[in-house]
N, C-alpha and C. Protein backbone atom coordinates (compact mmCIF):
# COMPACT_ATOMS: atom_id res chain seq x y z
N MET A 1 35.38 -13.01 -18.89
CA MET A 1 35.64 -12.80 -17.48
C MET A 1 35.92 -11.32 -17.19
N HIS A 2 36.64 -10.65 -18.09
CA HIS A 2 36.92 -9.23 -17.89
C HIS A 2 35.64 -8.41 -17.94
N PHE A 3 34.70 -8.84 -18.80
CA PHE A 3 33.43 -8.12 -18.90
C PHE A 3 32.66 -8.19 -17.58
N LEU A 4 32.66 -9.35 -16.94
CA LEU A 4 31.96 -9.50 -15.67
C LEU A 4 32.60 -8.63 -14.58
N ARG A 5 33.92 -8.57 -14.55
CA ARG A 5 34.60 -7.71 -13.58
C ARG A 5 34.26 -6.23 -13.82
N LEU A 6 34.27 -5.84 -15.09
CA LEU A 6 33.93 -4.47 -15.44
C LEU A 6 32.49 -4.15 -15.05
N LEU A 7 31.59 -5.08 -15.32
CA LEU A 7 30.18 -4.90 -14.97
C LEU A 7 30.02 -4.78 -13.45
N PHE A 8 30.71 -5.61 -12.69
CA PHE A 8 30.66 -5.55 -11.23
C PHE A 8 31.21 -4.22 -10.73
N LEU A 9 32.29 -3.75 -11.29
CA LEU A 9 32.89 -2.48 -10.89
C LEU A 9 31.93 -1.31 -11.18
N VAL A 10 31.31 -1.31 -12.33
CA VAL A 10 30.36 -0.25 -12.68
C VAL A 10 29.16 -0.29 -11.73
N ALA A 11 28.67 -1.47 -11.40
CA ALA A 11 27.54 -1.58 -10.48
C ALA A 11 27.91 -1.06 -9.10
N CYS A 12 29.10 -1.36 -8.63
CA CYS A 12 29.56 -0.87 -7.32
C CYS A 12 29.69 0.65 -7.31
N LEU A 13 30.25 1.20 -8.36
CA LEU A 13 30.41 2.65 -8.43
C LEU A 13 29.06 3.35 -8.51
N ALA A 14 28.13 2.77 -9.23
CA ALA A 14 26.80 3.37 -9.32
C ALA A 14 26.12 3.38 -7.96
N GLY A 15 26.34 2.35 -7.18
CA GLY A 15 25.76 2.28 -5.85
C GLY A 15 26.38 3.26 -4.88
N LEU A 16 27.63 3.62 -5.09
CA LEU A 16 28.34 4.51 -4.18
C LEU A 16 28.26 5.99 -4.56
N CYS A 17 27.75 6.28 -5.74
CA CYS A 17 27.80 7.66 -6.21
C CYS A 17 26.77 8.57 -5.54
N GLY A 18 25.82 8.00 -4.82
CA GLY A 18 24.81 8.82 -4.16
C GLY A 18 23.77 9.38 -5.12
N CYS A 19 23.59 8.72 -6.22
CA CYS A 19 22.65 9.19 -7.23
C CYS A 19 21.27 8.60 -6.98
N THR A 20 20.83 8.62 -5.74
CA THR A 20 19.51 8.07 -5.45
C THR A 20 18.46 9.15 -5.63
N THR A 21 17.33 8.75 -6.13
CA THR A 21 16.21 9.67 -6.29
C THR A 21 15.10 9.21 -5.36
N THR A 22 14.50 10.14 -4.68
CA THR A 22 13.39 9.84 -3.78
C THR A 22 12.09 10.00 -4.54
N LYS A 23 11.24 9.02 -4.41
CA LYS A 23 9.95 9.04 -5.09
C LYS A 23 8.93 9.71 -4.18
N TYR A 24 8.14 10.61 -4.75
CA TYR A 24 7.06 11.28 -4.02
C TYR A 24 5.74 10.89 -4.66
N THR A 25 4.73 10.67 -3.82
CA THR A 25 3.41 10.26 -4.29
C THR A 25 2.37 11.19 -3.70
N CYS A 26 1.46 11.68 -4.53
CA CYS A 26 0.33 12.48 -4.06
C CYS A 26 -0.85 11.55 -3.87
N LEU A 27 -1.58 11.76 -2.78
CA LEU A 27 -2.79 10.98 -2.51
C LEU A 27 -3.93 11.95 -2.25
N ARG A 28 -5.10 11.63 -2.79
CA ARG A 28 -6.29 12.46 -2.57
C ARG A 28 -7.41 11.56 -2.07
N VAL A 29 -7.99 11.92 -0.93
CA VAL A 29 -9.10 11.18 -0.36
C VAL A 29 -10.37 11.97 -0.63
N THR A 30 -11.35 11.32 -1.24
CA THR A 30 -12.63 11.97 -1.54
C THR A 30 -13.77 11.17 -0.93
N ASN A 31 -14.90 11.86 -0.74
CA ASN A 31 -16.08 11.16 -0.25
C ASN A 31 -16.86 10.59 -1.43
N ILE A 32 -18.01 10.03 -1.15
CA ILE A 32 -18.79 9.36 -2.19
C ILE A 32 -19.28 10.33 -3.27
N ARG A 33 -19.38 11.63 -2.93
CA ARG A 33 -19.81 12.65 -3.89
C ARG A 33 -18.64 13.24 -4.68
N GLY A 34 -17.42 12.81 -4.38
CA GLY A 34 -16.25 13.31 -5.08
C GLY A 34 -15.64 14.56 -4.47
N GLN A 35 -16.12 14.98 -3.31
CA GLN A 35 -15.56 16.16 -2.64
C GLN A 35 -14.27 15.76 -1.93
N THR A 36 -13.25 16.59 -2.06
CA THR A 36 -11.96 16.30 -1.45
C THR A 36 -12.03 16.43 0.06
N LEU A 37 -11.60 15.37 0.75
CA LEU A 37 -11.54 15.38 2.21
C LEU A 37 -10.13 15.71 2.70
N SER A 38 -9.12 15.16 2.02
CA SER A 38 -7.74 15.46 2.38
C SER A 38 -6.83 15.16 1.20
N GLU A 39 -5.68 15.81 1.21
CA GLU A 39 -4.63 15.57 0.21
C GLU A 39 -3.32 15.39 0.95
N TRP A 40 -2.53 14.45 0.48
CA TRP A 40 -1.26 14.10 1.13
C TRP A 40 -0.15 14.06 0.09
N ILE A 41 1.08 14.32 0.54
CA ILE A 41 2.27 14.04 -0.26
C ILE A 41 3.13 13.12 0.58
N ALA A 42 3.48 11.97 0.01
CA ALA A 42 4.26 10.95 0.72
C ALA A 42 5.65 10.84 0.11
N ARG A 43 6.63 10.61 0.97
CA ARG A 43 8.01 10.36 0.54
C ARG A 43 8.27 8.86 0.62
N GLY A 44 8.83 8.31 -0.44
CA GLY A 44 9.17 6.89 -0.44
C GLY A 44 7.99 6.02 -0.84
N PRO A 45 8.11 4.73 -0.56
CA PRO A 45 7.07 3.80 -1.00
C PRO A 45 5.79 3.95 -0.19
N ILE A 46 4.67 3.60 -0.82
CA ILE A 46 3.39 3.54 -0.12
C ILE A 46 2.99 2.07 -0.09
N HIS A 47 2.34 1.67 1.00
CA HIS A 47 1.97 0.27 1.17
C HIS A 47 0.46 0.14 1.34
N ARG A 48 -0.14 -0.68 0.52
CA ARG A 48 -1.59 -0.90 0.57
C ARG A 48 -1.94 -1.68 1.83
N VAL A 49 -2.91 -1.20 2.58
CA VAL A 49 -3.45 -1.89 3.74
C VAL A 49 -4.97 -1.88 3.62
N GLU A 50 -5.63 -2.60 4.49
CA GLU A 50 -7.09 -2.66 4.42
C GLU A 50 -7.69 -1.27 4.63
N GLY A 51 -8.39 -0.78 3.63
CA GLY A 51 -9.06 0.52 3.72
C GLY A 51 -8.21 1.72 3.37
N GLY A 52 -6.93 1.54 3.02
CA GLY A 52 -6.11 2.70 2.71
C GLY A 52 -4.66 2.36 2.41
N TYR A 53 -3.76 3.26 2.84
CA TYR A 53 -2.33 3.13 2.56
C TYR A 53 -1.52 3.57 3.78
N ASP A 54 -0.41 2.89 4.04
CA ASP A 54 0.59 3.34 5.00
C ASP A 54 1.61 4.17 4.24
N ILE A 55 1.89 5.38 4.72
CA ILE A 55 2.79 6.29 4.02
C ILE A 55 3.71 6.99 5.02
N ASN A 56 4.73 7.65 4.49
CA ASN A 56 5.58 8.55 5.25
C ASN A 56 5.27 9.96 4.73
N ALA A 57 4.35 10.64 5.40
CA ALA A 57 3.83 11.93 4.92
C ALA A 57 4.83 13.06 5.14
N VAL A 58 4.93 13.96 4.15
CA VAL A 58 5.70 15.19 4.29
C VAL A 58 4.79 16.41 4.23
N GLU A 59 3.56 16.23 3.74
CA GLU A 59 2.62 17.36 3.64
C GLU A 59 1.20 16.84 3.66
N ARG A 60 0.31 17.61 4.31
CA ARG A 60 -1.10 17.23 4.37
C ARG A 60 -1.97 18.49 4.32
N VAL A 61 -3.03 18.42 3.54
CA VAL A 61 -4.05 19.47 3.52
C VAL A 61 -5.35 18.75 3.85
N SER A 62 -5.99 19.12 4.96
CA SER A 62 -7.20 18.41 5.35
C SER A 62 -8.17 19.34 6.07
N GLY A 63 -9.34 18.82 6.28
CA GLY A 63 -10.36 19.54 7.01
C GLY A 63 -11.32 20.28 6.12
N ARG A 64 -12.60 20.11 6.40
CA ARG A 64 -13.62 20.84 5.70
C ARG A 64 -14.52 21.45 6.75
N PRO A 65 -14.99 22.59 6.67
CA PRO A 65 -14.81 23.57 5.61
C PRO A 65 -13.55 24.41 5.77
N PHE A 66 -12.89 24.32 6.93
CA PHE A 66 -11.68 25.11 7.16
C PHE A 66 -10.45 24.24 6.93
N ARG A 67 -9.72 24.55 5.89
CA ARG A 67 -8.55 23.75 5.52
C ARG A 67 -7.39 23.98 6.49
N ILE A 68 -6.68 22.90 6.80
CA ILE A 68 -5.48 22.96 7.62
C ILE A 68 -4.33 22.41 6.79
N HIS A 69 -3.27 23.20 6.62
CA HIS A 69 -2.11 22.81 5.82
C HIS A 69 -0.97 22.50 6.78
N SER A 70 -0.54 21.23 6.81
CA SER A 70 0.52 20.79 7.71
C SER A 70 1.72 20.32 6.91
N LYS A 71 2.91 20.61 7.44
CA LYS A 71 4.16 20.19 6.79
C LYS A 71 4.99 19.39 7.79
N TYR A 72 5.57 18.29 7.30
CA TYR A 72 6.40 17.41 8.12
C TYR A 72 7.74 17.20 7.41
N PRO A 73 8.71 18.10 7.62
CA PRO A 73 9.98 18.02 6.89
C PRO A 73 10.74 16.71 7.11
N ASP A 74 10.62 16.13 8.31
CA ASP A 74 11.32 14.88 8.60
C ASP A 74 10.48 13.65 8.32
N GLY A 75 9.27 13.87 7.85
CA GLY A 75 8.36 12.76 7.56
C GLY A 75 7.54 12.39 8.78
N TRP A 76 6.36 11.84 8.54
CA TRP A 76 5.46 11.42 9.60
C TRP A 76 4.78 10.13 9.15
N PRO A 77 5.16 8.99 9.76
CA PRO A 77 4.52 7.73 9.38
C PRO A 77 3.05 7.77 9.76
N THR A 78 2.19 7.50 8.82
CA THR A 78 0.75 7.54 9.08
C THR A 78 0.01 6.61 8.15
N ARG A 79 -1.27 6.45 8.43
CA ARG A 79 -2.14 5.62 7.59
C ARG A 79 -3.23 6.51 7.02
N VAL A 80 -3.35 6.52 5.70
CA VAL A 80 -4.38 7.28 5.01
C VAL A 80 -5.55 6.34 4.76
N ILE A 81 -6.72 6.70 5.30
CA ILE A 81 -7.91 5.86 5.17
C ILE A 81 -9.04 6.71 4.63
N GLY A 82 -9.85 6.16 3.75
CA GLY A 82 -10.99 6.89 3.21
C GLY A 82 -11.77 6.06 2.22
N PRO A 83 -12.96 6.53 1.85
CA PRO A 83 -13.80 5.78 0.93
C PRO A 83 -13.23 5.69 -0.48
N HIS A 84 -12.60 6.75 -0.96
CA HIS A 84 -12.00 6.77 -2.30
C HIS A 84 -10.63 7.43 -2.20
N ILE A 85 -9.60 6.71 -2.57
CA ILE A 85 -8.23 7.24 -2.50
C ILE A 85 -7.59 7.09 -3.87
N ALA A 86 -7.20 8.22 -4.44
CA ALA A 86 -6.46 8.22 -5.71
C ALA A 86 -5.01 8.57 -5.40
N HIS A 87 -4.08 7.96 -6.11
CA HIS A 87 -2.67 8.29 -5.90
C HIS A 87 -1.94 8.31 -7.24
N TRP A 88 -0.91 9.18 -7.30
CA TRP A 88 -0.11 9.33 -8.51
C TRP A 88 1.25 9.88 -8.11
N LEU A 89 2.24 9.68 -8.97
CA LEU A 89 3.58 10.20 -8.72
C LEU A 89 3.58 11.72 -8.88
N CYS A 90 4.35 12.42 -8.04
CA CYS A 90 4.42 13.87 -8.13
C CYS A 90 5.84 14.33 -7.79
N GLU A 91 6.07 15.60 -7.95
CA GLU A 91 7.38 16.19 -7.67
C GLU A 91 7.53 16.47 -6.18
N GLU A 92 8.77 16.64 -5.76
CA GLU A 92 9.05 17.04 -4.38
C GLU A 92 8.47 18.43 -4.14
N PRO A 93 7.82 18.66 -3.00
CA PRO A 93 7.27 19.99 -2.71
C PRO A 93 8.38 21.05 -2.73
N GLU A 94 8.06 22.23 -3.26
CA GLU A 94 9.05 23.30 -3.38
C GLU A 94 9.62 23.69 -2.02
N TRP A 95 8.78 23.78 -1.00
CA TRP A 95 9.26 24.19 0.32
C TRP A 95 10.26 23.18 0.88
N LEU A 96 10.11 21.90 0.55
CA LEU A 96 11.03 20.87 1.02
C LEU A 96 12.32 20.93 0.22
N ASP A 97 12.24 21.24 -1.07
CA ASP A 97 13.42 21.36 -1.91
C ASP A 97 14.26 22.56 -1.48
N GLU A 98 13.61 23.66 -1.12
CA GLU A 98 14.32 24.86 -0.68
C GLU A 98 15.00 24.66 0.66
N ARG A 99 14.50 23.74 1.45
CA ARG A 99 15.05 23.49 2.77
C ARG A 99 16.42 22.81 2.69
N ASP A 100 16.65 22.01 1.65
CA ASP A 100 17.92 21.28 1.51
C ASP A 100 19.09 22.16 1.19
């Protein structure tokens, strides 16, 4: 019984310590020839939807032939759609880390 109380206390303290880590995901949209159409960095979970993903974007690089680099420090809920979308875990962008 003491072990269960100790385990409960440790779980409560771990939840209150503020030791949460935010997950960042990089997404790359390419066309059928493999040329990059846009790149995104998302904060938090990504959700699969028909034809793409729902994300909370913090950064986007898009546009061909003239690239546009956009930053969203507070996040921007959006849907990433494209013919080929690759995604992987990545680090927090340096500009966002410096802002904190």
